[in-house]
């Protein structure tokens, strides 16, 4: 059901500094920052040959990412994103197997303007999973 790893998301306390580290220290191609108000975050994508790293920073104090930073002031791994061909079919199969979809269970547009869903970390060995339809 799941396809390739689309990205690994890391919450960072300073988006500009984190992007600079990937760009200058590691020599990676780094996108411009993009605000995603529906998700309460600003994102930057680091392009790698086989996947991407998504750097996340809260838009404001009400963002779930702000709460993450309160608990983890240095930032850290937030979620893994896997590609799926049909997000509704994937959701329905996962729910039938007992997985919990976060939010209202309906896909929202993600950073790539494609439908995404998040799955409860307690159902996936402590890791928040994102599914993105490709």
Protein backbone atom coordinates (compact mmCIF):
# COMPACT_ATOMS: atom_id res chain seq x y z
CA UNK A 1 0.00 0.00 0.00
CA UNK A 2 2.64 2.59 0.95
CA UNK A 3 5.06 3.77 -1.67
CA UNK A 4 8.35 5.54 -1.38
CA UNK A 5 9.41 7.73 1.49
CA UNK A 6 8.42 11.25 0.43
CA UNK A 7 10.09 13.15 3.26
CA UNK A 8 11.27 13.19 6.84
CA UNK A 9 9.97 16.19 8.82
CA UNK A 10 12.08 17.91 11.45
CA UNK A 11 10.78 20.68 13.72
CA UNK A 12 13.32 23.47 14.13
CA UNK A 13 13.42 26.42 16.53
CA UNK A 14 15.06 28.70 13.90
CA UNK A 15 14.00 27.98 10.33
CA UNK A 16 16.48 30.35 8.71
CA UNK A 17 19.42 28.92 10.65
CA UNK A 18 18.38 25.33 9.89
CA UNK A 19 18.00 26.07 6.17
CA UNK A 20 21.42 27.75 6.18
CA UNK A 21 22.98 24.67 7.80
CA UNK A 22 21.58 22.38 5.12
CA UNK A 23 22.45 24.81 2.32
CA UNK A 24 25.93 25.94 3.36
CA UNK A 25 27.29 23.24 5.64
CA UNK A 26 25.83 20.21 3.87
CA UNK A 27 25.65 21.69 0.35
CA UNK A 28 22.01 20.78 -0.22
CA UNK A 29 19.44 22.49 -2.42
CA UNK A 30 16.96 24.22 -0.13
CA UNK A 31 13.58 25.65 -1.16
CA UNK A 32 12.19 29.01 -0.17
CA UNK A 33 10.09 29.09 2.99
CA UNK A 34 6.35 28.58 2.50
CA UNK A 35 3.61 29.36 5.00
CA UNK A 36 0.87 26.73 5.32
CA UNK A 37 -1.80 28.42 7.49
CA UNK A 38 -4.13 25.38 7.31
CA UNK A 39 -1.44 23.37 9.10
CA UNK A 40 -0.07 26.21 11.24
CA UNK A 41 3.48 25.88 9.94
CA UNK A 42 6.14 27.38 7.74
CA UNK A 43 8.03 24.76 5.74
CA UNK A 44 11.30 24.54 3.88
CA UNK A 45 12.21 21.49 1.81
CA UNK A 46 15.74 20.16 1.49
CA UNK A 47 16.11 18.20 -1.75
CA UNK A 48 18.08 14.96 -1.59
CA UNK A 49 18.71 12.45 -4.39
CA UNK A 50 16.36 9.87 -2.86
CA UNK A 51 13.90 11.89 -0.71
CA UNK A 52 13.40 15.26 0.99
CA UNK A 53 13.82 16.70 4.47
CA UNK A 54 11.01 19.02 5.54
CA UNK A 55 12.02 21.66 8.07
CA UNK A 56 9.00 22.83 10.08
CA UNK A 57 8.52 25.94 12.18
CA UNK A 58 5.29 27.16 13.83
CA UNK A 59 3.41 30.07 12.27
CA UNK A 60 2.24 31.17 15.72
CA UNK A 61 1.79 29.98 19.29
CA UNK A 62 -1.43 28.09 18.49
CA UNK A 63 0.35 25.75 16.06
CA UNK A 64 0.76 22.09 17.09
CA UNK A 65 4.41 22.58 16.13
CA UNK A 66 4.70 25.31 18.80
CA UNK A 67 3.61 22.76 21.39
CA UNK A 68 6.22 20.33 20.04
CA UNK A 69 8.92 23.00 20.48
CA UNK A 70 7.78 23.71 24.03
CA UNK A 71 8.44 20.05 24.87
CA UNK A 72 11.55 19.85 22.65
CA UNK A 73 13.18 23.30 22.59
CA UNK A 74 16.01 22.14 20.31
CA UNK A 75 13.51 20.68 17.82
CA UNK A 76 13.63 17.14 16.54
CA UNK A 77 12.11 14.48 14.33
CA UNK A 78 8.38 15.11 13.87
CA UNK A 79 7.02 12.68 11.26
CA UNK A 80 7.66 10.45 8.26
CA UNK A 81 5.69 10.92 5.05
CA UNK A 82 4.93 8.02 2.74
CA UNK A 83 3.43 8.24 -0.72
CA UNK A 84 0.20 6.45 -1.62
CA UNK A 85 -1.59 6.19 -4.96
CA UNK A 86 -5.10 6.61 -3.55
CA UNK A 87 -5.35 8.36 -0.18
CA UNK A 88 -9.03 7.51 0.36
CA UNK A 89 -8.45 3.80 -0.31
CA UNK A 90 -5.38 3.86 1.96
CA UNK A 91 -7.33 5.63 4.72
CA UNK A 92 -10.25 3.22 4.50
CA UNK A 93 -7.97 0.18 4.60
CA UNK A 94 -6.02 1.54 7.58
CA UNK A 95 -9.17 2.45 9.52
CA UNK A 96 -10.59 -1.03 8.84
CA UNK A 97 -7.40 -2.43 10.40
CA UNK A 98 -7.81 -0.26 13.51
CA UNK A 99 -5.55 2.70 12.70
CA UNK A 100 -6.62 6.17 13.81
CA UNK A 101 -6.59 9.09 11.41
CA UNK A 102 -5.97 12.44 13.09
CA UNK A 103 -8.28 15.41 12.67
CA UNK A 104 -11.61 14.87 10.98
CA UNK A 105 -10.31 11.99 8.86
CA UNK A 106 -10.60 13.91 5.62
CA UNK A 107 -7.52 14.74 3.53
CA UNK A 108 -6.22 18.30 3.50
CA UNK A 109 -3.87 19.86 0.98
CA UNK A 110 -0.28 19.59 2.13
CA UNK A 111 2.91 21.43 1.26
CA UNK A 112 2.99 20.01 -2.27
CA UNK A 113 -0.67 20.96 -2.84
CA UNK A 114 -1.55 17.26 -2.74
CA UNK A 115 -3.96 15.50 -0.36
CA UNK A 116 -2.44 14.41 2.96
CA UNK A 117 -3.57 12.62 6.12
CA UNK A 118 -1.82 12.04 9.44
CA UNK A 119 -1.97 8.76 11.36
CA UNK A 120 -1.82 8.47 15.14
CA UNK A 121 1.70 7.68 16.38
CA UNK A 122 0.43 5.19 18.97
CA UNK A 123 -0.73 2.99 16.09
CA UNK A 124 2.68 3.07 14.36
CA UNK A 125 5.33 2.28 16.97
CA UNK A 126 5.43 5.81 18.34
CA UNK A 127 5.93 7.57 15.01
CA UNK A 128 3.56 10.14 13.52
CA UNK A 129 2.95 9.16 9.90
CA UNK A 130 1.77 11.34 7.06
CA UNK A 131 0.34 9.87 3.86
CA UNK A 132 0.52 11.95 0.69
CA UNK A 133 -1.32 11.06 -2.49
CA UNK A 134 0.94 11.17 -5.53
